């Protein structure tokens, strides 16, 4: 089972990075359905996780930044998910409603 594809070129460098799909296409906010869920890990600290984000990385990073700034909490955008620290589910839902984004609460 040998994979004979070229992954490095002296002229073009790492070809694996060039083959990755990047989408900087504009996001149609009317078709997005974000999934929200509350997670607790370790010592019981709550985290609100937003998933099913569009593939546009800049748009997702801006949404995470706006959420953190508006709610005055910490958080991050990684692995195509946004994590918001703290018991802020109601505030996250009202923020998304204010931006006219559709969401669905999942989990228990």
PDB file of N, CA and C in Angstrom:
ATOM      1  N   UNK A   1       0.848  -1.171   0.000  1.00  0.00           N
ATOM      2  CA  UNK A   1       0.000   0.000   0.000  1.00  0.00           C
ATOM      3  C   UNK A   1       0.889   1.227   0.000  1.00  0.00           C
ATOM      4  N   UNK A   2       1.284   1.686  -1.162  1.00  0.00           N
ATOM      5  CA  UNK A   2       2.157   2.841  -1.216  1.00  0.00           C
ATOM      6  C   UNK A   2       1.400   4.025  -1.810  1.00  0.00           C
ATOM      7  N   UNK A   3       1.637   5.156  -1.217  1.00  0.00           N
ATOM      8  CA  UNK A   3       1.012   6.394  -1.677  1.00  0.00           C
ATOM      9  C   UNK A   3       2.098   7.197  -2.389  1.00  0.00           C
ATOM     10  N   UNK A   4       2.037   7.260  -3.700  1.00  0.00           N
ATOM     11  CA  UNK A   4       3.106   7.867  -4.485  1.00  0.00           C
ATOM     12  C   UNK A   4       2.843   9.320  -4.860  1.00  0.00           C
ATOM     13  N   UNK A   5       2.095  10.035  -4.081  1.00  0.00           N
ATOM     14  CA  UNK A   5       1.850  11.435  -4.424  1.00  0.00           C
ATOM     15  C   UNK A   5       2.993  12.309  -3.913  1.00  0.00           C
ATOM     16  N   UNK A   6       3.252  13.375  -4.616  1.00  0.00           N
ATOM     17  CA  UNK A   6       4.342  14.285  -4.276  1.00  0.00           C
ATOM     18  C   UNK A   6       3.845  15.259  -3.210  1.00  0.00           C
ATOM     19  N   UNK A   7       4.623  15.395  -2.137  1.00  0.00           N
ATOM     20  CA  UNK A   7       4.244  16.288  -1.052  1.00  0.00           C
ATOM     21  C   UNK A   7       5.185  17.474  -0.901  1.00  0.00           C
ATOM     22  N   UNK A   8       6.341  17.441  -1.579  1.00  0.00           N
ATOM     23  CA  UNK A   8       7.299  18.540  -1.466  1.00  0.00           C
ATOM     24  C   UNK A   8       7.910  18.810  -2.836  1.00  0.00           C
ATOM     25  N   UNK A   9       8.072  20.092  -3.144  1.00  0.00           N
ATOM     26  CA  UNK A   9       8.689  20.496  -4.392  1.00  0.00           C
ATOM     27  C   UNK A   9       9.702  21.586  -4.084  1.00  0.00           C
ATOM     28  N   UNK A  10      10.845  21.566  -4.776  1.00  0.00           N
ATOM     29  CA  UNK A  10      11.853  22.604  -4.556  1.00  0.00           C
ATOM     30  C   UNK A  10      11.346  23.973  -4.983  1.00  0.00           C
ATOM     31  N   UNK A  11      10.515  24.006  -5.974  1.00  0.00           N
ATOM     32  CA  UNK A  11       9.996  25.294  -6.454  1.00  0.00           C
ATOM     33  C   UNK A  11       8.810  25.797  -5.641  1.00  0.00           C
ATOM     34  N   UNK A  12       7.900  24.899  -5.305  1.00  0.00           N
ATOM     35  CA  UNK A  12       6.646  25.326  -4.677  1.00  0.00           C
ATOM     36  C   UNK A  12       6.565  25.037  -3.189  1.00  0.00           C
ATOM     37  N   UNK A  13       7.511  24.325  -2.633  1.00  0.00           N
ATOM     38  CA  UNK A  13       7.499  24.052  -1.207  1.00  0.00           C
ATOM     39  C   UNK A  13       6.554  22.911  -0.846  1.00  0.00           C
ATOM     40  N   UNK A  14       5.887  23.050   0.298  1.00  0.00           N
ATOM     41  CA  UNK A  14       5.003  22.011   0.819  1.00  0.00           C
ATOM     42  C   UNK A  14       3.687  22.016   0.042  1.00  0.00           C
ATOM     43  N   UNK A  15       3.476  21.000  -0.772  1.00  0.00           N
ATOM     44  CA  UNK A  15       2.273  20.920  -1.601  1.00  0.00           C
ATOM     45  C   UNK A  15       1.040  20.517  -0.805  1.00  0.00           C
ATOM     46  N   UNK A  16       1.225  19.927   0.373  1.00  0.00           N
ATOM     47  CA  UNK A  16       0.074  19.555   1.199  1.00  0.00           C
ATOM     48  C   UNK A  16      -0.675  20.793   1.656  1.00  0.00           C
ATOM     49  N   UNK A  17       0.038  21.857   1.968  1.00  0.00           N
ATOM     50  CA  UNK A  17      -0.609  23.094   2.407  1.00  0.00           C
ATOM     51  C   UNK A  17      -1.377  23.756   1.284  1.00  0.00           C
ATOM     52  N   UNK A  18      -0.896  23.628   0.067  1.00  0.00           N
ATOM     53  CA  UNK A  18      -1.569  24.247  -1.067  1.00  0.00           C
ATOM     54  C   UNK A  18      -2.828  23.499  -1.455  1.00  0.00           C
ATOM     55  N   UNK A  19      -2.904  22.228  -1.118  1.00  0.00           N
ATOM     56  CA  UNK A  19      -4.057  21.433  -1.486  1.00  0.00           C
ATOM     57  C   UNK A  19      -5.190  21.533  -0.473  1.00  0.00           C
ATOM     58  N   UNK A  20      -4.933  22.092   0.689  1.00  0.00           N
ATOM     59  CA  UNK A  20      -5.986  22.245   1.685  1.00  0.00           C
ATOM     60  C   UNK A  20      -7.008  23.252   1.190  1.00  0.00           C
ATOM     61  N   UNK A  21      -8.250  22.917   1.430  1.00  0.00           N
ATOM     62  CA  UNK A  21      -9.324  23.809   0.976  1.00  0.00           C
ATOM     63  C   UNK A  21      -9.498  24.937   1.976  1.00  0.00           C
ATOM     64  N   UNK A  22      -9.404  26.140   1.479  1.00  0.00           N
ATOM     65  CA  UNK A  22      -9.665  27.327   2.294  1.00  0.00           C
ATOM     66  C   UNK A  22     -10.841  28.041   1.681  1.00  0.00           C
ATOM     67  N   UNK A  23     -11.731  28.448   2.527  1.00  0.00           N
ATOM     68  CA  UNK A  23     -12.896  29.138   2.009  1.00  0.00           C
ATOM     69  C   UNK A  23     -12.951  30.540   2.597  1.00  0.00           C
ATOM     70  N   UNK A  24     -12.691  31.506   1.757  1.00  0.00           N
ATOM     71  CA  UNK A  24     -12.852  32.892   2.168  1.00  0.00           C
ATOM     72  C   UNK A  24     -14.092  33.465   1.515  1.00  0.00           C
ATOM     73  N   UNK A  25     -14.958  32.586   1.079  1.00  0.00           N
ATOM     74  CA  UNK A  25     -16.197  33.018   0.436  1.00  0.00           C
ATOM     75  C   UNK A  25     -17.077  33.725   1.462  1.00  0.00           C
ATOM     76  N   UNK A  26     -17.883  34.672   1.020  1.00  0.00           N
ATOM     77  CA  UNK A  26     -18.761  35.362   1.959  1.00  0.00           C
ATOM     78  C   UNK A  26     -19.744  34.388   2.609  1.00  0.00           C
ATOM     79  N   UNK A  27     -20.113  34.703   3.845  1.00  0.00           N
ATOM     80  CA  UNK A  27     -21.000  33.839   4.617  1.00  0.00           C
ATOM     81  C   UNK A  27     -22.429  34.338   4.472  1.00  0.00           C
ATOM     82  N   UNK A  28     -23.330  33.441   4.108  1.00  0.00           N
ATOM     83  CA  UNK A  28     -24.749  33.772   4.050  1.00  0.00           C
ATOM     84  C   UNK A  28     -25.343  33.472   5.422  1.00  0.00           C
ATOM     85  N   UNK A  29     -25.514  34.506   6.225  1.00  0.00           N
ATOM     86  CA  UNK A  29     -25.942  34.332   7.611  1.00  0.00           C
ATOM     87  C   UNK A  29     -27.370  33.809   7.735  1.00  0.00           C
ATOM     88  N   UNK A  30     -28.149  33.871   6.673  1.00  0.00           N
ATOM     89  CA  UNK A  30     -29.524  33.389   6.728  1.00  0.00           C
ATOM     90  C   UNK A  30     -29.600  31.866   6.689  1.00  0.00           C
ATOM     91  N   UNK A  31     -28.561  31.208   6.177  1.00  0.00           N
ATOM     92  CA  UNK A  31     -28.586  29.755   6.047  1.00  0.00           C
ATOM     93  C   UNK A  31     -27.836  29.037   7.165  1.00  0.00           C
ATOM     94  N   UNK A  32     -27.221  29.761   8.063  1.00  0.00           N
ATOM     95  CA  UNK A  32     -26.433  29.166   9.138  1.00  0.00           C
ATOM     96  C   UNK A  32     -27.350  28.722  10.271  1.00  0.00           C
ATOM     97  N   UNK A  33     -27.101  27.533  10.805  1.00  0.00           N
ATOM     98  CA  UNK A  33     -27.776  27.056  12.004  1.00  0.00           C
ATOM     99  C   UNK A  33     -26.696  26.603  12.975  1.00  0.00           C
ATOM    100  N   UNK A  34     -26.382  27.449  13.947  1.00  0.00           N
ATOM    101  CA  UNK A  34     -25.337  27.150  14.921  1.00  0.00           C
ATOM    102  C   UNK A  34     -25.887  26.246  16.006  1.00  0.00           C
ATOM    103  N   UNK A  35     -25.060  25.367  16.519  1.00  0.00           N
ATOM    104  CA  UNK A  35     -25.447  24.495  17.625  1.00  0.00           C
ATOM    105  C   UNK A  35     -24.751  24.978  18.884  1.00  0.00           C
ATOM    106  N   UNK A  36     -25.525  25.158  19.950  1.00  0.00           N
ATOM    107  CA  UNK A  36     -24.997  25.598  21.237  1.00  0.00           C
ATOM    108  C   UNK A  36     -25.108  24.457  22.228  1.00  0.00           C
ATOM    109  N   UNK A  37     -24.069  24.283  23.019  1.00  0.00           N
ATOM    110  CA  UNK A  37     -24.176  23.321  24.110  1.00  0.00           C
ATOM    111  C   UNK A  37     -23.292  23.749  25.257  1.00  0.00           C
ATOM    112  N   UNK A  38     -23.712  23.361  26.457  1.00  0.00           N
ATOM    113  CA  UNK A  38     -22.996  23.703  27.680  1.00  0.00           C
ATOM    114  C   UNK A  38     -22.145  22.504  28.076  1.00  0.00           C
ATOM    115  N   UNK A  39     -20.866  22.753  28.297  1.00  0.00           N
ATOM    116  CA  UNK A  39     -19.934  21.703  28.693  1.00  0.00           C
ATOM    117  C   UNK A  39     -19.354  22.016  30.056  1.00  0.00           C
ATOM    118  N   UNK A  40     -19.142  20.978  30.836  1.00  0.00           N
ATOM    119  CA  UNK A  40     -18.392  21.138  32.081  1.00  0.00           C
ATOM    120  C   UNK A  40     -17.281  20.105  32.061  1.00  0.00           C
ATOM    121  N   UNK A  41     -16.137  20.502  32.516  1.00  0.00           N
ATOM    122  CA  UNK A  41     -15.005  19.582  32.522  1.00  0.00           C
ATOM    123  C   UNK A  41     -14.187  19.798  33.776  1.00  0.00           C
ATOM    124  N   UNK A  42     -13.618  18.734  34.268  1.00  0.00           N
ATOM    125  CA  UNK A  42     -12.698  18.847  35.393  1.00  0.00           C
ATOM    126  C   UNK A  42     -13.372  19.322  36.663  1.00  0.00           C
ATOM    127  N   UNK A  43     -13.160  20.562  37.005  1.00  0.00           N
ATOM    128  CA  UNK A  43     -13.632  21.093  38.274  1.00  0.00           C
ATOM    129  C   UNK A  43     -15.018  21.722  38.168  1.00  0.00           C
ATOM    130  N   UNK A  44     -15.746  21.422  37.118  1.00  0.00           N
ATOM    131  CA  UNK A  44     -17.112  21.907  37.004  1.00  0.00           C
ATOM    132  C   UNK A  44     -17.242  23.283  36.393  1.00  0.00           C
ATOM    133  N   UNK A  45     -16.199  23.799  35.789  1.00  0.00           N
ATOM    134  CA  UNK A  45     -16.287  25.101  35.134  1.00  0.00           C
ATOM    135  C   UNK A  45     -17.057  24.943  33.833  1.00  0.00           C
ATOM    136  N   UNK A  46     -17.992  25.819  33.623  1.00  0.00           N
ATOM    137  CA  UNK A  46     -18.853  25.710  32.445  1.00  0.00           C
ATOM    138  C   UNK A  46     -18.234  26.408  31.247  1.00  0.00           C
ATOM    139  N   UNK A  47     -18.478  25.836  30.083  1.00  0.00           N
ATOM    140  CA  UNK A  47     -18.060  26.419  28.810  1.00  0.00           C
ATOM    141  C   UNK A  47     -19.234  26.289  27.854  1.00  0.00           C
ATOM    142  N   UNK A  48     -19.505  27.343  27.114  1.00  0.00           N
ATOM    143  CA  UNK A  48     -20.528  27.310  26.082  1.00  0.00           C
ATOM    144  C   UNK A  48     -19.806  27.087  24.756  1.00  0.00           C
ATOM    145  N   UNK A  49     -20.211  26.052  24.027  1.00  0.00           N
ATOM    146  CA  UNK A  49     -19.561  25.706  22.768  1.00  0.00           C
ATOM    147  C   UNK A  49     -20.517  25.965  21.607  1.00  0.00           C
ATOM    148  N   UNK A  50     -20.036  26.708  20.621  1.00  0.00           N
ATOM    149  CA  UNK A  50     -20.778  26.938  19.377  1.00  0.00           C
ATOM    150  C   UNK A  50     -20.132  26.092  18.296  1.00  0.00           C
ATOM    151  N   UNK A  51     -20.918  25.257  17.636  1.00  0.00           N
ATOM    152  CA  UNK A  51     -20.381  24.409  16.576  1.00  0.00           C
ATOM    153  C   UNK A  51     -21.227  24.568  15.320  1.00  0.00           C
ATOM    154  N   UNK A  52     -20.893  23.802  14.300  1.00  0.00           N
ATOM    155  CA  UNK A  52     -21.517  23.903  12.967  1.00  0.00           C
ATOM    156  C   UNK A  52     -21.307  25.292  12.374  1.00  0.00           C
ATOM    157  N   UNK A  53     -20.096  25.798  12.530  1.00  0.00           N
ATOM    158  CA  UNK A  53     -19.738  27.107  11.997  1.00  0.00           C
ATOM    159  C   UNK A  53     -19.451  27.005  10.504  1.00  0.00           C
ATOM    160  N   UNK A  54     -19.616  28.094   9.773  1.00  0.00           N
ATOM    161  CA  UNK A  54     -19.260  28.073   8.351  1.00  0.00           C
ATOM    162  C   UNK A  54     -17.748  27.951   8.181  1.00  0.00           C
ATOM    163  N   UNK A  55     -17.272  27.531   7.005  1.00  0.00           N
ATOM    164  CA  UNK A  55     -15.839  27.307   6.820  1.00  0.00           C
ATOM    165  C   UNK A  55     -14.997  28.577   6.702  1.00  0.00           C
ATOM    166  N   UNK A  56     -15.590  29.759   6.741  1.00  0.00           N
ATOM    167  CA  UNK A  56     -14.853  31.013   6.624  1.00  0.00           C
ATOM    168  C   UNK A  56     -14.210  31.347   7.970  1.00  0.00           C
ATOM    169  N   UNK A  57     -12.889  31.190   8.046  1.00  0.00           N
ATOM    170  CA  UNK A  57     -12.159  31.349   9.310  1.00  0.00           C
ATOM    171  C   UNK A  57     -12.232  32.784   9.839  1.00  0.00           C
ATOM    172  N   UNK A  58     -12.099  33.758   8.953  1.00  0.00           N
ATOM    173  CA  UNK A  58     -12.134  35.165   9.409  1.00  0.00           C
ATOM    174  C   UNK A  58     -13.479  35.519  10.027  1.00  0.00           C
ATOM    175  N   UNK A  59     -14.550  35.050   9.409  1.00  0.00           N
ATOM    176  CA  UNK A  59     -15.889  35.345   9.928  1.00  0.00           C
ATOM    177  C   UNK A  59     -16.057  34.726  11.316  1.00  0.00           C
ATOM    178  N   UNK A  60     -15.585  33.493  11.486  1.00  0.00           N
ATOM    179  CA  UNK A  60     -15.695  32.800  12.773  1.00  0.00           C
ATOM    180  C   UNK A  60     -14.860  33.483  13.847  1.00  0.00           C
ATOM    181  N   UNK A  61     -13.655  33.912  13.488  1.00  0.00           N
ATOM    182  CA  UNK A  61     -12.814  34.609  14.451  1.00  0.00           C
ATOM    183  C   UNK A  61     -13.443  35.933  14.870  1.00  0.00           C
ATOM    184  N   UNK A  62     -14.067  36.632  13.937  1.00  0.00           N
ATOM    185  CA  UNK A  62     -14.719  37.896  14.266  1.00  0.00           C
ATOM    186  C   UNK A  62     -15.929  37.666  15.165  1.00  0.00           C
ATOM    187  N   UNK A  63     -16.693  36.601  14.909  1.00  0.00           N
ATOM    188  CA  UNK A  63     -17.832  36.270  15.761  1.00  0.00           C
ATOM    189  C   UNK A  63     -17.365  35.955  17.170  1.00  0.00           C
ATOM    190  N   UNK A  64     -16.281  35.191  17.301  1.00  0.00           N
ATOM    191  CA  UNK A  64     -15.739  34.866  18.618  1.00  0.00           C
ATOM    192  C   UNK A  64     -15.276  36.131  19.340  1.00  0.00           C
ATOM    193  N   UNK A  65     -14.616  37.017  18.626  1.00  0.00           N
ATOM    194  CA  UNK A  65     -14.137  38.269  19.214  1.00  0.00           C
ATOM    195  C   UNK A  65     -15.292  39.126  19.694  1.00  0.00           C
ATOM    196  N   UNK A  66     -16.339  39.244  18.866  1.00  0.00           N
ATOM    197  CA  UNK A  66     -17.499  40.039  19.246  1.00  0.00           C
ATOM    198  C   UNK A  66     -18.215  39.452  20.461  1.00  0.00           C
ATOM    199  N   UNK A  67     -18.338  38.133  20.498  1.00  0.00           N
ATOM    200  CA  UNK A  67     -18.972  37.475  21.646  1.00  0.00           C
ATOM    201  C   UNK A  67     -18.195  37.736  22.929  1.00  0.00           C
ATOM    202  N   UNK A  68     -16.883  37.551  22.879  1.00  0.00           N
ATOM    203  CA  UNK A  68     -16.063  37.739  24.074  1.00  0.00           C
ATOM    204  C   UNK A  68     -16.111  39.184  24.559  1.00  0.00           C
ATOM    205  N   UNK A  69     -16.085  40.112  23.619  1.00  0.00           N
ATOM    206  CA  UNK A  69     -16.102  41.526  23.986  1.00  0.00           C
ATOM    207  C   UNK A  69     -17.459  41.916  24.581  1.00  0.00           C
ATOM    208  N   UNK A  70     -18.527  41.467  23.959  1.00  0.00           N
ATOM    209  CA  UNK A  70     -19.873  41.826  24.410  1.00  0.00           C
ATOM    210  C   UNK A  70     -20.206  41.240  25.780  1.00  0.00           C
ATOM    211  N   UNK A  71     -19.747  39.990  26.015  1.00  0.00           N
ATOM    212  CA  UNK A  71     -20.072  39.315  27.265  1.00  0.00           C
ATOM    213  C   UNK A  71     -19.011  39.518  28.341  1.00  0.00           C
ATOM    214  N   UNK A  72     -17.883  40.140  27.974  1.00  0.00           N
ATOM    215  CA  UNK A  72     -16.773  40.403  28.904  1.00  0.00           C
ATOM    216  C   UNK A  72     -16.281  39.111  29.551  1.00  0.00           C
ATOM    217  N   UNK A  73     -16.033  38.105  28.696  1.00  0.00           N
ATOM    218  CA  UNK A  73     -15.535  36.819  29.168  1.00  0.00           C
ATOM    219  C   UNK A  73     -14.386  36.365  28.277  1.00  0.00           C
ATOM    220  N   UNK A  74     -13.736  35.305  28.683  1.00  0.00           N
ATOM    221  CA  UNK A  74     -12.691  34.701  27.870  1.00  0.00           C
ATOM    222  C   UNK A  74     -13.284  33.659  26.943  1.00  0.00           C
ATOM    223  N   UNK A  75     -12.491  33.229  26.024  1.00  0.00           N
ATOM    224  CA  UNK A  75     -12.942  32.208  25.094  1.00  0.00           C
ATOM    225  C   UNK A  75     -11.939  32.037  23.979  1.00  0.00           C
ATOM    226  N   UNK A  76     -12.266  31.163  23.041  1.00  0.00           N
ATOM    227  CA  UNK A  76     -11.353  30.887  21.947  1.00  0.00           C
ATOM    228  C   UNK A  76     -12.106  30.349  20.742  1.00  0.00           C
ATOM    229  N   UNK A  77     -11.443  30.420  19.590  1.00  0.00           N
ATOM    230  CA  UNK A  77     -11.921  29.778  18.377  1.00  0.00           C
ATOM    231  C   UNK A  77     -10.864  28.765  17.976  1.00  0.00           C
ATOM    232  N   UNK A  78     -11.223  27.486  17.987  1.00  0.00           N
ATOM    233  CA  UNK A  78     -10.278  26.454  17.579  1.00  0.00           C
ATOM    234  C   UNK A  78     -11.040  25.246  17.069  1.00  0.00           C
ATOM    235  N   UNK A  79     -10.422  24.539  16.140  1.00  0.00           N
ATOM    236  CA  UNK A  79     -10.983  23.321  15.571  1.00  0.00           C
ATOM    237  C   UNK A  79     -12.408  23.528  15.079  1.00  0.00           C
ATOM    238  N   UNK A  80     -12.646  24.670  14.449  1.00  0.00           N
ATOM    239  CA  UNK A  80     -13.946  25.019  13.884  1.00  0.00           C
ATOM    240  C   UNK A  80     -15.057  25.055  14.931  1.00  0.00           C
ATOM    241  N   UNK A  81     -14.697  25.456  16.154  1.00  0.00           N
ATOM    242  CA  UNK A  81     -15.660  25.630  17.237  1.00  0.00           C
ATOM    243  C   UNK A  81     -15.282  26.881  18.017  1.00  0.00           C
ATOM    244  N   UNK A  82     -16.286  27.544  18.567  1.00  0.00           N
ATOM    245  CA  UNK A  82     -16.054  28.690  19.436  1.00  0.00           C
ATOM    246  C   UNK A  82     -16.401  28.264  20.852  1.00  0.00           C
ATOM    247  N   UNK A  83     -15.509  28.538  21.791  1.00  0.00           N
ATOM    248  CA  UNK A  83     -15.743  28.229  23.191  1.00  0.00           C
ATOM    249  C   UNK A  83     -15.781  29.530  23.980  1.00  0.00           C
ATOM    250  N   UNK A  84     -16.835  29.694  24.776  1.00  0.00           N
ATOM    251  CA  UNK A  84     -17.012  30.868  25.626  1.00  0.00           C
ATOM    252  C   UNK A  84     -17.011  30.405  27.069  1.00  0.00           C
ATOM    253  N   UNK A  85     -16.178  31.014  27.908  1.00  0.00           N
ATOM    254  CA  UNK A  85     -16.057  30.619  29.305  1.00  0.00           C
ATOM    255  C   UNK A  85     -17.207  31.173  30.137  1.00  0.00           C
ATOM    256  N   UNK A  86     -17.684  30.368  31.071  1.00  0.00           N
ATOM    257  CA  UNK A  86     -18.667  30.826  32.039  1.00  0.00           C
ATOM    258  C   UNK A  86     -20.092  30.415  31.722  1.00  0.00           C
ATOM    259  N   UNK A  87     -20.958  30.664  32.693  1.00  0.00           N
ATOM    260  CA  UNK A  87     -22.392  30.366  32.595  1.00  0.00           C
ATOM    261  C   UNK A  87     -23.091  31.502  31.854  1.00  0.00           C
ATOM    262  N   UNK A  88     -22.913  31.578  30.567  1.00  0.00           N
ATOM    263  CA  UNK A  88     -23.413  32.700  29.776  1.00  0.00           C
ATOM    264  C   UNK A  88     -24.359  32.258  28.664  1.00  0.00           C
ATOM    265  N   UNK A  89     -25.061  31.139  28.835  1.00  0.00           N
ATOM    266  CA  UNK A  89     -25.901  30.607  27.765  1.00  0.00           C
ATOM    267  C   UNK A  89     -26.971  31.616  27.342  1.00  0.00           C
ATOM    268  N   UNK A  90     -27.648  32.229  28.293  1.00  0.00           N
ATOM    269  CA  UNK A  90     -28.715  33.184  27.961  1.00  0.00           C
ATOM    270  C   UNK A  90     -28.166  34.393  27.208  1.00  0.00           C
ATOM    271  N   UNK A  91     -27.007  34.895  27.642  1.00  0.00           N
ATOM    272  CA  UNK A  91     -26.408  36.042  26.972  1.00  0.00           C
ATOM    273  C   UNK A  91     -25.941  35.691  25.559  1.00  0.00           C
ATOM    274  N   UNK A  92     -25.406  34.480  25.379  1.00  0.00           N
ATOM    275  CA  UNK A  92     -24.968  34.039  24.051  1.00  0.00           C
ATOM    276  C   UNK A  92     -26.178  33.935  23.125  1.00  0.00           C
ATOM    277  N   UNK A  93     -27.272  33.371  23.627  1.00  0.00           N
ATOM    278  CA  UNK A  93     -28.477  33.234  22.809  1.00  0.00           C
ATOM    279  C   UNK A  93     -29.031  34.601  22.409  1.00  0.00           C
ATOM    280  N   UNK A  94     -29.065  35.539  23.350  1.00  0.00           N
ATOM    281  CA  UNK A  94     -29.590  36.867  23.018  1.00  0.00           C
ATOM    282  C   UNK A  94     -28.649  37.605  22.059  1.00  0.00           C
ATOM    283  N   UNK A  95     -27.339  37.411  22.175  1.00  0.00           N
ATOM    284  CA  UNK A  95     -26.382  38.011  21.246  1.00  0.00           C
ATOM    285  C   UNK A  95     -26.610  37.491  19.832  1.00  0.00           C
ATOM    286  N   UNK A  96     -26.770  36.179  19.698  1.00  0.00           N
ATOM    287  CA  UNK A  96     -27.004  35.589  18.378  1.00  0.00           C
ATOM    288  C   UNK A  96     -28.338  36.041  17.795  1.00  0.00           C
ATOM    289  N   UNK A  97     -29.351  36.189  18.646  1.00  0.00           N
ATOM    290  CA  UNK A  97     -30.642  36.709  18.186  1.00  0.00           C
ATOM    291  C   UNK A  97     -30.491  38.138  17.681  1.00  0.00           C
ATOM    292  N   UNK A  98     -29.686  38.932  18.376  1.00  0.00           N
ATOM    293  CA  UNK A  98     -29.450  40.313  17.972  1.00  0.00           C
ATOM    294  C   UNK A  98     -28.739  40.424  16.629  1.00  0.00           C
ATOM    295  N   UNK A  99     -27.910  39.435  16.303  1.00  0.00           N
ATOM    296  CA  UNK A  99     -27.222  39.422  15.009  1.00  0.00           C
ATOM    297  C   UNK A  99     -28.028  38.674  13.944  1.00  0.00           C
ATOM    298  N   UNK A 100     -29.239  38.268  14.285  1.00  0.00           N
ATOM    299  CA  UNK A 100     -30.143  37.536  13.377  1.00  0.00           C
ATOM    300  C   UNK A 100     -29.543  36.214  12.899  1.00  0.00           C
ATOM    301  N   UNK A 101     -28.810  35.545  13.776  1.00  0.00           N
ATOM    302  CA  UNK A 101     -28.266  34.224  13.480  1.00  0.00           C
ATOM    303  C   UNK A 101     -29.164  33.170  14.100  1.00  0.00           C
ATOM    304  N   UNK A 102     -29.422  32.095  13.375  1.00  0.00           N
ATOM    305  CA  UNK A 102     -30.238  31.013  13.889  1.00  0.00           C
ATOM    306  C   UNK A 102     -29.357  30.087  14.713  1.00  0.00           C
ATOM    307  N   UNK A 103     -29.931  29.535  15.784  1.00  0.00           N
ATOM    308  CA  UNK A 103     -29.176  28.639  16.657  1.00  0.00           C
ATOM    309  C   UNK A 103     -30.111  27.561  17.167  1.00  0.00           C
ATOM    310  N   UNK A 104     -29.489  26.489  17.644  1.00  0.00           N
ATOM    311  CA  UNK A 104     -30.226  25.371  18.208  1.00  0.00           C
ATOM    312  C   UNK A 104     -29.473  24.899  19.450  1.00  0.00           C
ATOM    313  N   UNK A 105     -30.180  24.778  20.564  1.00  0.00           N
ATOM    314  CA  UNK A 105     -29.560  24.338  21.790  1.00  0.00           C
ATOM    315  C   UNK A 105     -29.555  22.800  21.804  1.00  0.00           C
ATOM    316  N   UNK A 106     -28.371  22.214  22.004  1.00  0.00           N
ATOM    317  CA  UNK A 106     -28.253  20.759  21.995  1.00  0.00           C
ATOM    318  C   UNK A 106     -27.753  20.286  23.342  1.00  0.00           C
ATOM    319  N   UNK A 107     -27.855  19.006  23.576  1.00  0.00           N
ATOM    320  CA  UNK A 107     -27.379  18.438  24.831  1.00  0.00           C
ATOM    321  C   UNK A 107     -28.471  18.456  25.887  1.00  0.00           C
ATOM    322  N   UNK A 108     -28.079  18.105  27.125  1.00  0.00           N
ATOM    323  CA  UNK A 108     -29.021  17.964  28.233  1.00  0.00           C
ATOM    324  C   UNK A 108     -29.570  19.177  28.720  1.00  0.00           C
TER     325      UNK A 108
END
